[in-house]
Amino acid sequence: MSLSSVLTFLVFSPLLGVLILGFMPKTQGKALKAVGFIFTLPSLVLALAVYFHQLAGKSLSVFSVSKHWIQFGGFEKTDPHLFSVYYELGVNGFTLLLVVLTAVVSSLAAIAVSLYIKKEWKGYFMLFLILETGMLGVFTAQNLILFFIFFEATLVPTFFLTGKWGYYEKEKAAWSFLIYNGLGSAILLIVIMILFARTGTTNIDALYHFINDPNVQLIAPISKAAKFGLFFALLIAFGIKLPIVPLHSWQLRMHAQAPIPVVMIHSGILLKIGAYGLIRFGLGIFPEQFKSVAVLLAILGVINLLYGAFLAFVQTEFKLMLAYSSVSHMGIILMGLAALNVAGIQGAIFQMISHGLISALLFFLVGVIYERTGTTEISSLGGLAKGMPLIGGFLLATAMGNLGLPGMSGFVSEFSAFLGLFQAMPVIAAVGTLGIIMTAAYMLRAVLAMTFGQANREFTGVTDLKGREYVPVLVLMLLIVLIGVCPSVLSSPLHATLLGLGG
């Protein structure tokens, strides 16, 4: 395999699993589960190989691929690049971390599928692997049209995985997801088409040059007002995905009603597409417009942080509390980006990775608890540590990471994001620190009530953590601690990217 084909195989190898699953009888449950899991592994191995290639100080450009794909208009002879769409994949330090996160969480969520999905594994894993391909493609696409295609490829399987295999109000959650995200997609498509019509390209790097270099002669000029309008449209499109309050209600339903493997992927990866879009396209293509609304973004981030934390504090159902916690933690990403300096942007990216790992682990543990007890009501799970000490211990440890305990990934990301915001907007940052206090309050209140609180039920005969359940728990916990004690595993690949964005 040549280096230029690595990313192509990394992105599309899950589809080989879809092809094989399509020819397998749906009654062969064990074989279907095995094939579904196995075909998440090539992407994981290749993602780690590219990561260690970068850590060795070697260039990531050797993995880039660019092939002519679609030509619009009759410009082949005059300028073959004009109104051409290329199949182009590539990674930098930032996108590489998201690719590794996607591959890791997808493989671990596939284990959760084999453990907790009880029916129709063939259809589930086919949709699951299509979803993984879409996510990997989103973070490696180097032009907007290819990005949009992969972006849409994540929506359809998520809709069906939730609507068919979710909990009691699964159809409502699936339709809410599709309507909100479909609206965001429509707005994004309009922006892409306008940029393509005005510049003749959808290449991300070329768009930055065309939009921000006054010496470039565009096919049709874009005024400052038009640039701001395009940027604001991107803010709405990706703000829905993040989500930014008040565009968040669909996310709460998804976290409460989607099956646990889907929630692991949704909270761990899909929400990060919103932050990725704001960084890659908002800040990356429209830096002046981003700077002009930085204060607004910081305020929205504080609103997300405090609103999510307050409502998480009053929840009586643990899964819904975690849903509001995700809303709150997305506010930290917005606050870090709004700082527009190296520390803030680094904190925002760290928070994307950290929250992806912590939330995936928390929701996996929620799935284990629900499988054993049939409930996630906090009041019904008092004394959990007595009956399931390992599960209770890992739950408490993960909660410590979520509230930002030093030595875990949550502390590194929150400290860096707030450091950046204190440098840029100290008053807003000071208000935001209330959210950190609230996070500690609601996490400790819920987890301590569940693990060591008054027991309202007997846990005798309930099994503790067992078998394959150890794999996602130990891997995710190891990564959370590794980032906390050795943050250079993230900061080293990010160095060049951070200098370009916030330097």
Protein backbone atom coordinates (compact mmCIF):
# COMPACT_ATOMS: atom_id res chain seq x y z
CA MET A 1 0.00 0.00 0.00
CA SER A 2 1.46 3.37 -1.03
CA LEU A 3 1.44 6.16 1.53
CA SER A 4 -0.92 8.24 -0.62
CA SER A 5 -3.54 5.47 -0.43
CA VAL A 6 -3.39 5.10 3.37
CA LEU A 7 -6.11 7.66 4.07
CA THR A 8 -8.39 6.24 1.40
CA PHE A 9 -8.16 2.78 2.94
CA LEU A 10 -8.47 4.25 6.44
CA VAL A 11 -11.73 6.00 5.53
CA PHE A 12 -13.35 3.33 3.39
CA SER A 13 -12.21 0.06 4.98
CA PRO A 14 -15.38 -0.14 7.14
CA LEU A 15 -17.37 -0.40 3.90
CA LEU A 16 -15.64 -3.71 3.17
CA GLY A 17 -17.32 -4.94 6.34
CA VAL A 18 -20.67 -3.67 5.05
CA LEU A 19 -20.14 -5.64 1.84
CA ILE A 20 -19.29 -8.85 3.69
CA LEU A 21 -22.18 -8.41 6.14
CA GLY A 22 -24.53 -8.02 3.19
CA PHE A 23 -23.82 -11.59 2.07
CA MET A 24 -24.07 -13.14 5.54
CA PRO A 25 -27.26 -14.77 6.89
CA LYS A 26 -28.92 -12.59 9.51
CA THR A 27 -29.27 -15.57 11.86
CA GLN A 28 -25.50 -15.93 12.44
CA GLY A 29 -25.36 -13.60 15.42
CA LYS A 30 -21.85 -14.34 16.66
CA ALA A 31 -20.32 -14.17 13.19
CA LEU A 32 -22.11 -10.89 12.42
CA LYS A 33 -20.84 -9.33 15.66
CA ALA A 34 -17.31 -10.55 14.97
CA VAL A 35 -17.25 -9.16 11.42
CA GLY A 36 -18.75 -5.86 12.54
CA PHE A 37 -16.06 -5.38 15.18
CA ILE A 38 -13.17 -6.66 13.07
CA PHE A 39 -13.81 -4.15 10.30
CA THR A 40 -13.43 -1.24 12.69
CA LEU A 41 -9.86 -2.35 13.37
CA PRO A 42 -8.11 -1.49 10.05
CA SER A 43 -9.04 2.18 10.49
CA LEU A 44 -7.82 2.09 14.09
CA VAL A 45 -4.48 0.52 13.16
CA LEU A 46 -3.89 2.94 10.29
CA ALA A 47 -4.91 5.97 12.38
CA LEU A 48 -2.42 4.99 15.08
CA ALA A 49 0.25 4.34 12.44
CA VAL A 50 -0.21 7.85 11.00
CA TYR A 51 -0.17 9.31 14.52
CA PHE A 52 3.16 7.66 15.40
CA HIS A 53 4.51 8.65 11.98
CA GLN A 54 3.80 12.27 12.93
CA LEU A 55 5.25 11.86 16.43
CA ALA A 56 8.48 10.70 14.83
CA GLY A 57 8.77 14.15 13.25
CA LYS A 58 7.82 13.07 9.73
CA SER A 59 5.56 15.07 7.44
CA LEU A 60 1.88 14.23 7.16
CA SER A 61 1.77 15.55 3.59
CA VAL A 62 2.95 12.15 2.30
CA PHE A 63 -0.51 10.78 3.08
CA SER A 64 -2.37 13.44 1.07
CA VAL A 65 -4.19 12.40 -2.07
CA SER A 66 -5.69 14.62 -4.78
CA LYS A 67 -7.40 13.23 -7.90
CA HIS A 68 -9.56 15.12 -10.37
CA TRP A 69 -13.15 14.08 -9.85
CA ILE A 70 -15.87 16.35 -11.27
CA GLN A 71 -15.62 19.24 -13.73
CA PHE A 72 -18.30 21.95 -13.96
CA GLY A 73 -18.46 24.22 -17.01
CA GLY A 74 -16.11 24.23 -19.99
CA PHE A 75 -12.90 25.45 -18.36
CA GLU A 76 -10.75 22.33 -18.95
CA LYS A 77 -8.58 24.03 -21.56
CA THR A 78 -8.30 27.52 -20.06
CA ASP A 79 -7.95 26.60 -16.38
CA PRO A 80 -8.49 22.93 -15.42
CA HIS A 81 -8.69 23.84 -11.72
CA LEU A 82 -11.56 26.28 -12.19
CA PHE A 83 -14.93 24.86 -11.08
CA SER A 84 -13.30 21.47 -10.58
CA VAL A 85 -13.97 19.22 -7.62
CA TYR A 86 -11.17 16.92 -6.56
CA TYR A 87 -11.19 13.77 -4.51
CA GLU A 88 -8.72 15.00 -1.93
CA LEU A 89 -7.97 13.66 1.51
CA GLY A 90 -5.37 14.83 4.00
CA VAL A 91 -4.63 15.38 7.67
CA ASN A 92 -2.82 17.88 9.84
CA GLY A 93 -2.06 17.66 13.55
CA PHE A 94 -5.57 18.79 14.54
CA THR A 95 -7.55 16.56 12.19
CA LEU A 96 -5.28 13.60 12.92
CA LEU A 97 -6.25 13.70 16.61
CA LEU A 98 -9.94 13.64 15.65
CA VAL A 99 -9.34 10.73 13.28
CA VAL A 100 -7.64 8.76 16.08
CA LEU A 101 -10.48 9.66 18.49
CA THR A 102 -13.04 8.48 15.92
CA ALA A 103 -11.25 5.19 15.30
CA VAL A 104 -10.78 4.45 19.01
CA VAL A 105 -14.35 5.28 20.08
CA SER A 106 -15.84 3.45 17.07
CA SER A 107 -13.98 0.23 17.86
CA LEU A 108 -14.99 0.41 21.53
CA ALA A 109 -18.59 1.24 20.64
CA ALA A 110 -18.58 -1.83 18.37
CA ILE A 111 -17.81 -3.91 21.47
CA ALA A 112 -20.77 -2.24 23.17
CA VAL A 113 -22.95 -3.18 20.17
CA SER A 114 -22.04 -6.84 20.51
CA LEU A 115 -22.79 -6.71 24.24
CA TYR A 116 -26.02 -4.71 24.43
CA ILE A 117 -27.84 -4.82 21.09
CA LYS A 118 -30.12 -7.83 21.26
CA LYS A 119 -31.59 -8.09 17.76
CA GLU A 120 -30.96 -7.56 14.05
CA TRP A 121 -27.19 -7.28 14.32
CA LYS A 122 -26.72 -7.44 10.56
CA GLY A 123 -28.60 -4.24 9.83
CA TYR A 124 -27.18 -2.54 12.91
CA PHE A 125 -23.55 -3.20 12.05
CA MET A 126 -24.02 -2.27 8.38
CA LEU A 127 -25.35 1.12 9.42
CA PHE A 128 -22.70 1.38 12.15
CA LEU A 129 -19.83 0.89 9.68
CA ILE A 130 -21.33 3.36 7.20
CA LEU A 131 -21.50 5.87 10.06
CA GLU A 132 -17.83 5.28 10.87
CA THR A 133 -16.85 5.87 7.24
CA GLY A 134 -18.77 9.14 7.25
CA MET A 135 -17.09 10.35 10.43
CA LEU A 136 -13.59 9.48 9.23
CA GLY A 137 -14.31 11.18 5.91
CA VAL A 138 -15.52 14.36 7.60
CA PHE A 139 -12.17 14.83 9.35
CA THR A 140 -9.99 13.97 6.34
CA ALA A 141 -11.85 15.72 3.49
CA GLN A 142 -9.89 18.62 2.03
CA ASN A 143 -12.69 20.32 0.14
CA LEU A 144 -16.14 21.45 1.14
CA ILE A 145 -18.14 19.30 -1.27
CA LEU A 146 -16.41 16.09 -0.17
CA PHE A 147 -16.84 17.20 3.45
CA PHE A 148 -20.56 17.75 2.86
CA ILE A 149 -20.99 14.29 1.32
CA PHE A 150 -19.34 12.63 4.31
CA PHE A 151 -21.27 14.90 6.67
CA GLU A 152 -24.55 13.71 5.18
CA ALA A 153 -23.31 10.12 5.38
CA THR A 154 -23.31 10.45 9.17
CA LEU A 155 -26.89 11.69 9.40
CA VAL A 156 -28.79 8.86 7.72
CA PRO A 157 -27.31 5.90 9.65
CA THR A 158 -27.58 7.80 12.95
CA PHE A 159 -31.27 8.43 12.22
CA PHE A 160 -32.01 4.75 11.58
CA LEU A 161 -29.80 3.43 14.39
CA THR A 162 -31.67 5.65 16.85
CA GLY A 163 -35.16 5.22 15.41
CA LYS A 164 -35.02 1.41 15.27
CA TRP A 165 -32.81 0.36 18.18
CA GLY A 166 -33.35 3.19 20.68
CA TYR A 167 -35.49 3.38 23.82
CA TYR A 168 -39.11 4.34 24.48
CA GLU A 169 -39.27 7.64 22.56
CA LYS A 170 -36.74 6.62 19.93
CA GLU A 171 -38.75 7.77 16.90
CA LYS A 172 -39.24 11.25 18.35
CA ALA A 173 -35.52 11.52 19.12
CA ALA A 174 -34.55 10.32 15.63
CA TRP A 175 -36.85 12.78 13.86
CA SER A 176 -35.73 15.63 16.08
CA PHE A 177 -32.11 14.78 15.24
CA LEU A 178 -32.85 14.65 11.51
CA ILE A 179 -34.86 17.87 11.37
CA TYR A 180 -32.37 19.98 13.31
CA ASN A 181 -29.30 18.56 11.59
CA GLY A 182 -31.03 18.58 8.22
CA LEU A 183 -31.66 22.29 8.65
CA GLY A 184 -27.99 22.78 9.48
CA SER A 185 -27.03 20.78 6.40
CA ALA A 186 -29.24 22.91 4.16
CA ILE A 187 -27.62 26.10 5.47
CA LEU A 188 -24.16 24.59 5.02
CA LEU A 189 -24.95 23.55 1.43
CA ILE A 190 -26.05 27.09 0.56
CA VAL A 191 -22.76 28.47 1.91
CA ILE A 192 -20.75 25.92 -0.07
CA MET A 193 -22.57 26.67 -3.30
CA ILE A 194 -22.10 30.44 -2.90
CA LEU A 195 -18.40 30.04 -2.20
CA PHE A 196 -18.00 27.69 -5.16
CA ALA A 197 -19.85 30.07 -7.49
CA ARG A 198 -17.86 33.11 -6.38
CA THR A 199 -14.38 31.53 -6.21
CA GLY A 200 -14.49 28.54 -8.56
CA THR A 201 -13.07 26.21 -5.90
CA THR A 202 -14.09 24.31 -2.79
CA ASN A 203 -10.56 23.44 -1.64
CA ILE A 204 -10.29 24.58 1.98
CA ASP A 205 -6.76 25.96 1.79
CA ALA A 206 -7.47 27.73 -1.51
CA LEU A 207 -10.64 29.29 -0.06
CA TYR A 208 -8.69 30.81 2.81
CA HIS A 209 -6.29 32.37 0.30
CA PHE A 210 -9.05 33.61 -2.00
CA ILE A 211 -11.23 35.07 0.76
CA ASN A 212 -8.46 36.83 2.71
CA ASP A 213 -5.97 37.98 0.06
CA PRO A 214 -7.09 41.35 -1.39
CA ASN A 215 -4.83 40.84 -4.41
CA VAL A 216 -6.74 37.76 -5.60
CA GLN A 217 -9.20 38.48 -8.40
CA LEU A 218 -12.36 36.48 -7.75
CA ILE A 219 -14.85 35.39 -10.40
CA ALA A 220 -17.46 37.44 -8.54
CA PRO A 221 -16.35 39.74 -5.69
CA ILE A 222 -17.54 39.00 -2.15
CA SER A 223 -18.26 42.10 -0.10
CA LYS A 224 -17.47 42.36 3.61
CA ALA A 225 -21.18 42.13 4.40
CA ALA A 226 -21.48 38.99 2.28
CA LYS A 227 -18.46 37.45 4.00
CA PHE A 228 -20.01 38.14 7.38
CA GLY A 229 -23.31 36.64 6.19
CA LEU A 230 -21.56 33.48 5.01
CA PHE A 231 -19.66 33.20 8.28
CA PHE A 232 -22.84 33.72 10.33
CA ALA A 233 -24.56 30.99 8.31
CA LEU A 234 -21.67 28.64 9.11
CA LEU A 235 -22.00 29.59 12.77
CA ILE A 236 -25.65 28.55 12.76
CA ALA A 237 -25.02 25.35 10.78
CA PHE A 238 -22.26 24.14 13.08
CA GLY A 239 -23.87 25.72 16.16
CA ILE A 240 -26.75 23.28 15.72
CA LYS A 241 -24.31 20.40 15.60
CA LEU A 242 -22.22 21.49 18.62
CA PRO A 243 -24.90 22.39 19.97
CA ILE A 244 -25.12 26.03 21.07
CA VAL A 245 -28.02 26.96 23.37
CA PRO A 246 -30.90 27.37 22.37
CA LEU A 247 -30.31 24.95 19.45
CA HIS A 248 -29.74 22.00 21.78
CA SER A 249 -33.07 20.29 22.51
CA TRP A 250 -32.56 17.59 19.87
CA GLN A 251 -29.29 16.57 21.52
CA LEU A 252 -30.98 15.93 24.87
CA ARG A 253 -33.44 13.55 23.23
CA MET A 254 -30.65 11.75 21.41
CA HIS A 255 -28.62 11.16 24.55
CA ALA A 256 -31.67 9.95 26.45
CA GLN A 257 -33.25 7.73 23.78
CA ALA A 258 -30.52 6.48 21.42
CA PRO A 259 -28.95 3.06 22.11
CA ILE A 260 -25.79 3.21 24.21
CA PRO A 261 -23.28 2.53 21.38
CA VAL A 262 -24.82 5.35 19.35
CA VAL A 263 -24.73 7.71 22.33
CA MET A 264 -21.05 6.84 22.82
CA ILE A 265 -20.38 7.86 19.23
CA HIS A 266 -22.74 10.83 19.28
CA SER A 267 -21.38 12.40 22.45
CA GLY A 268 -17.81 11.29 21.77
CA ILE A 269 -17.48 12.18 18.07
CA LEU A 270 -20.52 13.59 16.27
CA LEU A 271 -20.87 16.62 18.56
CA LYS A 272 -17.22 17.41 17.81
CA ILE A 273 -18.06 17.89 14.12
CA GLY A 274 -19.71 21.17 15.14
CA ALA A 275 -16.56 22.39 16.90
CA TYR A 276 -14.41 21.08 14.05
CA GLY A 277 -16.48 23.05 11.53
CA LEU A 278 -16.20 26.25 13.56
CA ILE A 279 -12.41 25.87 13.72
CA ARG A 280 -11.71 24.53 10.24
CA PHE A 281 -14.16 26.64 8.24
CA GLY A 282 -15.27 29.49 10.51
CA LEU A 283 -11.92 30.42 12.00
CA GLY A 284 -9.96 28.90 9.12
CA ILE A 285 -11.69 30.63 6.19
CA PHE A 286 -13.21 33.71 7.84
CA PRO A 287 -10.71 34.76 10.56
CA GLU A 288 -11.66 38.47 10.45
CA GLN A 289 -15.36 37.74 10.81
CA PHE A 290 -14.65 35.23 13.59
CA LYS A 291 -12.66 37.85 15.46
CA SER A 292 -15.51 40.36 15.14
CA VAL A 293 -17.91 38.07 17.02
CA ALA A 294 -15.41 36.67 19.53
CA VAL A 295 -17.07 38.40 22.48
CA LEU A 296 -20.47 37.05 21.44
CA LEU A 297 -19.03 33.54 21.17
CA ALA A 298 -17.47 33.85 24.63
CA ILE A 299 -20.83 34.92 26.08
CA LEU A 300 -22.61 32.06 24.30
CA GLY A 301 -19.98 29.71 25.69
CA VAL A 302 -20.61 30.93 29.25
CA ILE A 303 -24.37 30.56 28.70
CA ASN A 304 -23.85 26.98 27.50
CA LEU A 305 -21.60 26.23 30.46
CA LEU A 306 -23.89 27.67 33.15
CA TYR A 307 -27.22 26.65 31.60
CA GLY A 308 -26.12 23.05 31.08
CA ALA A 309 -24.53 22.84 34.53
CA PHE A 310 -27.57 24.25 36.34
CA LEU A 311 -30.03 21.92 34.60
CA ALA A 312 -27.70 18.96 35.10
CA PHE A 313 -27.72 19.73 38.83
CA VAL A 314 -31.50 19.39 39.13
CA GLN A 315 -31.88 16.16 37.11
CA THR A 316 -33.04 12.99 38.79
CA GLU A 317 -32.17 10.69 35.87
CA PHE A 318 -28.45 10.05 35.36
CA LYS A 319 -28.49 9.75 31.57
CA LEU A 320 -30.31 13.06 31.18
CA MET A 321 -27.88 14.66 33.62
CA LEU A 322 -25.02 13.55 31.37
CA ALA A 323 -26.84 15.01 28.36
CA TYR A 324 -26.98 18.43 30.02
CA SER A 325 -23.36 17.96 31.09
CA SER A 326 -22.40 17.60 27.43
CA VAL A 327 -24.18 20.87 26.62
CA SER A 328 -22.24 22.50 29.45
CA HIS A 329 -18.85 21.18 28.35
CA MET A 330 -19.40 22.32 24.77
CA GLY A 331 -19.50 25.82 26.24
CA ILE A 332 -15.86 25.44 27.27
CA ILE A 333 -14.97 24.78 23.63
CA LEU A 334 -16.70 27.99 22.57
CA MET A 335 -14.96 29.97 25.30
CA GLY A 336 -11.55 28.64 24.30
CA LEU A 337 -12.12 29.47 20.63
CA ALA A 338 -13.37 32.95 21.48
CA ALA A 339 -10.04 33.73 23.19
CA LEU A 340 -8.32 33.63 19.76
CA ASN A 341 -4.94 32.85 21.27
CA VAL A 342 -2.81 29.72 21.39
CA ALA A 343 -3.79 28.74 24.95
CA GLY A 344 -7.52 29.15 24.31
CA ILE A 345 -7.61 27.31 21.00
CA GLN A 346 -5.43 24.54 22.41
CA GLY A 347 -7.81 24.24 25.35
CA ALA A 348 -10.81 24.03 23.01
CA ILE A 349 -9.19 21.24 20.99
CA PHE A 350 -8.07 19.44 24.15
CA GLN A 351 -11.64 19.70 25.41
CA MET A 352 -12.93 18.11 22.19
CA ILE A 353 -10.68 15.09 22.69
CA SER A 354 -11.08 14.91 26.47
CA HIS A 355 -14.86 15.15 26.42
CA GLY A 356 -14.99 12.61 23.60
CA LEU A 357 -13.21 10.04 25.78
CA ILE A 358 -14.90 10.88 29.09
CA SER A 359 -18.44 11.03 27.71
CA ALA A 360 -17.97 7.77 25.78
CA LEU A 361 -16.86 6.06 29.00
CA LEU A 362 -19.64 7.57 31.11
CA PHE A 363 -22.33 6.46 28.67
CA PHE A 364 -20.80 3.00 28.37
CA LEU A 365 -20.97 2.67 32.17
CA VAL A 366 -24.56 3.93 32.04
CA GLY A 367 -25.31 1.14 29.59
CA VAL A 368 -23.73 -1.45 31.87
CA ILE A 369 -25.75 -0.18 34.85
CA TYR A 370 -29.01 -0.12 32.89
CA GLU A 371 -28.36 -3.64 31.62
CA ARG A 372 -28.00 -4.86 35.22
CA THR A 373 -30.72 -2.84 36.95
CA GLY A 374 -33.19 -1.69 34.30
CA THR A 375 -33.02 1.93 35.50
CA THR A 376 -30.82 5.02 35.46
CA GLU A 377 -32.80 6.92 38.09
CA ILE A 378 -30.30 8.30 40.60
CA SER A 379 -32.57 7.62 43.60
CA SER A 380 -32.98 3.97 42.58
CA LEU A 381 -29.24 3.30 42.36
CA GLY A 382 -28.15 4.24 45.87
CA GLY A 383 -25.61 1.81 47.32
CA LEU A 384 -24.39 0.80 43.86
CA ALA A 385 -20.80 0.45 45.06
CA LYS A 386 -21.81 -2.28 47.51
CA GLY A 387 -23.32 -4.50 44.85
CA MET A 388 -21.08 -3.49 41.92
CA PRO A 389 -17.84 -2.09 43.40
CA LEU A 390 -15.84 -2.11 40.16
CA ILE A 391 -18.54 -0.32 38.20
CA GLY A 392 -19.03 2.14 41.04
CA GLY A 393 -15.29 2.77 41.27
CA PHE A 394 -14.83 3.40 37.56
CA LEU A 395 -17.92 5.60 37.54
CA LEU A 396 -16.50 7.73 40.34
CA ALA A 397 -13.09 7.93 38.66
CA THR A 398 -14.63 9.02 35.34
CA ALA A 399 -16.75 11.61 37.12
CA MET A 400 -13.53 13.02 38.59
CA GLY A 401 -12.20 13.40 35.07
CA ASN A 402 -15.41 15.09 33.95
CA LEU A 403 -15.24 17.70 36.71
CA GLY A 404 -11.59 18.47 35.95
CA LEU A 405 -9.58 16.66 38.62
CA PRO A 406 -5.82 17.33 38.18
CA GLY A 407 -4.05 14.36 36.63
CA MET A 408 -6.91 13.64 34.24
CA SER A 409 -7.66 14.98 30.76
CA GLY A 410 -10.53 17.23 31.88
CA PHE A 411 -8.21 19.37 34.00
CA VAL A 412 -5.72 19.97 31.17
CA SER A 413 -8.39 21.05 28.69
CA GLU A 414 -10.35 23.28 31.07
CA PHE A 415 -7.23 24.92 32.48
CA SER A 416 -5.89 25.78 29.03
CA ALA A 417 -9.25 27.08 27.75
CA PHE A 418 -9.78 29.30 30.78
CA LEU A 419 -6.17 30.48 30.70
CA GLY A 420 -6.68 31.66 27.13
CA LEU A 421 -9.97 33.37 27.94
CA PHE A 422 -8.56 35.08 31.04
CA GLN A 423 -5.83 36.54 28.83
CA ALA A 424 -8.37 37.88 26.34
CA MET A 425 -11.60 38.55 28.29
CA PRO A 426 -10.99 38.26 32.06
CA VAL A 427 -14.47 39.38 33.16
CA ILE A 428 -16.28 36.82 31.01
CA ALA A 429 -13.80 34.14 32.08
CA ALA A 430 -14.42 34.96 35.76
CA VAL A 431 -18.16 34.49 35.29
CA GLY A 432 -17.48 31.21 33.49
CA THR A 433 -15.61 29.79 36.47
CA LEU A 434 -18.97 29.43 38.20
CA GLY A 435 -19.65 26.67 35.71
CA ILE A 436 -16.60 24.75 36.92
CA ILE A 437 -17.96 24.90 40.48
CA MET A 438 -21.39 23.77 39.28
CA THR A 439 -19.82 20.87 37.37
CA ALA A 440 -18.18 19.58 40.51
CA ALA A 441 -21.47 20.00 42.39
CA TYR A 442 -23.72 18.08 39.99
CA MET A 443 -21.21 15.31 39.24
CA LEU A 444 -20.43 14.64 42.91
CA ARG A 445 -24.09 14.93 43.92
CA ALA A 446 -25.21 12.33 41.38
CA VAL A 447 -22.31 9.90 41.51
CA LEU A 448 -21.96 9.87 45.30
CA ALA A 449 -25.72 9.42 45.65
CA MET A 450 -25.50 6.40 43.33
CA THR A 451 -22.33 4.79 44.68
CA PHE A 452 -22.47 5.47 48.41
CA GLY A 453 -25.95 6.88 48.93
CA GLN A 454 -28.86 5.32 50.77
CA ALA A 455 -29.69 1.96 49.25
CA ASN A 456 -33.31 1.75 48.08
CA ARG A 457 -32.91 -1.66 46.46
CA GLU A 458 -30.96 -4.89 46.84
CA PHE A 459 -28.01 -5.49 44.52
CA THR A 460 -27.53 -9.09 45.57
CA GLY A 461 -27.09 -11.38 42.57
CA VAL A 462 -26.23 -8.48 40.26
CA THR A 463 -22.98 -9.11 38.41
CA ASP A 464 -20.16 -6.59 38.42
CA LEU A 465 -17.98 -5.63 35.45
CA LYS A 466 -17.11 -8.73 33.45
CA GLY A 467 -15.52 -10.11 30.28
CA ARG A 468 -15.35 -7.84 27.27
CA GLU A 469 -16.80 -4.93 29.28
CA TYR A 470 -13.32 -4.38 30.69
CA VAL A 471 -11.90 -3.44 27.28
CA PRO A 472 -13.76 -0.12 26.68
CA VAL A 473 -13.50 0.81 30.37
CA LEU A 474 -9.77 0.20 30.72
CA VAL A 475 -8.80 1.66 27.33
CA LEU A 476 -10.79 4.87 27.80
CA MET A 477 -9.67 5.29 31.42
CA LEU A 478 -6.04 4.78 30.40
CA LEU A 479 -6.32 7.45 27.70
CA ILE A 480 -8.02 9.91 30.07
CA VAL A 481 -5.20 9.53 32.60
CA LEU A 482 -2.48 9.51 29.92
CA ILE A 483 -3.61 12.88 28.56
CA GLY A 484 -3.89 14.23 32.10
CA VAL A 485 -0.34 13.34 33.10
CA CYS A 486 1.29 13.67 29.67
CA PRO A 487 -0.61 16.30 27.65
CA SER A 488 2.21 16.38 25.08
CA VAL A 489 0.53 13.40 23.39
CA LEU A 490 -1.99 15.99 22.15
CA SER A 491 0.04 19.20 22.13
CA SER A 492 2.91 17.79 20.06
CA PRO A 493 0.80 17.06 16.94
CA LEU A 494 -1.05 20.37 17.41
CA HIS A 495 1.99 22.65 17.45
CA ALA A 496 1.96 23.76 13.80
CA THR A 497 -1.84 23.98 13.67
CA LEU A 498 -2.00 26.21 16.74
CA LEU A 499 0.61 28.59 15.37
CA GLY A 500 -1.48 28.99 12.21
CA LEU A 501 -4.77 29.55 14.05
CA GLY A 502 -3.87 31.54 17.14
CA GLY A 503 -0.29 32.64 16.74
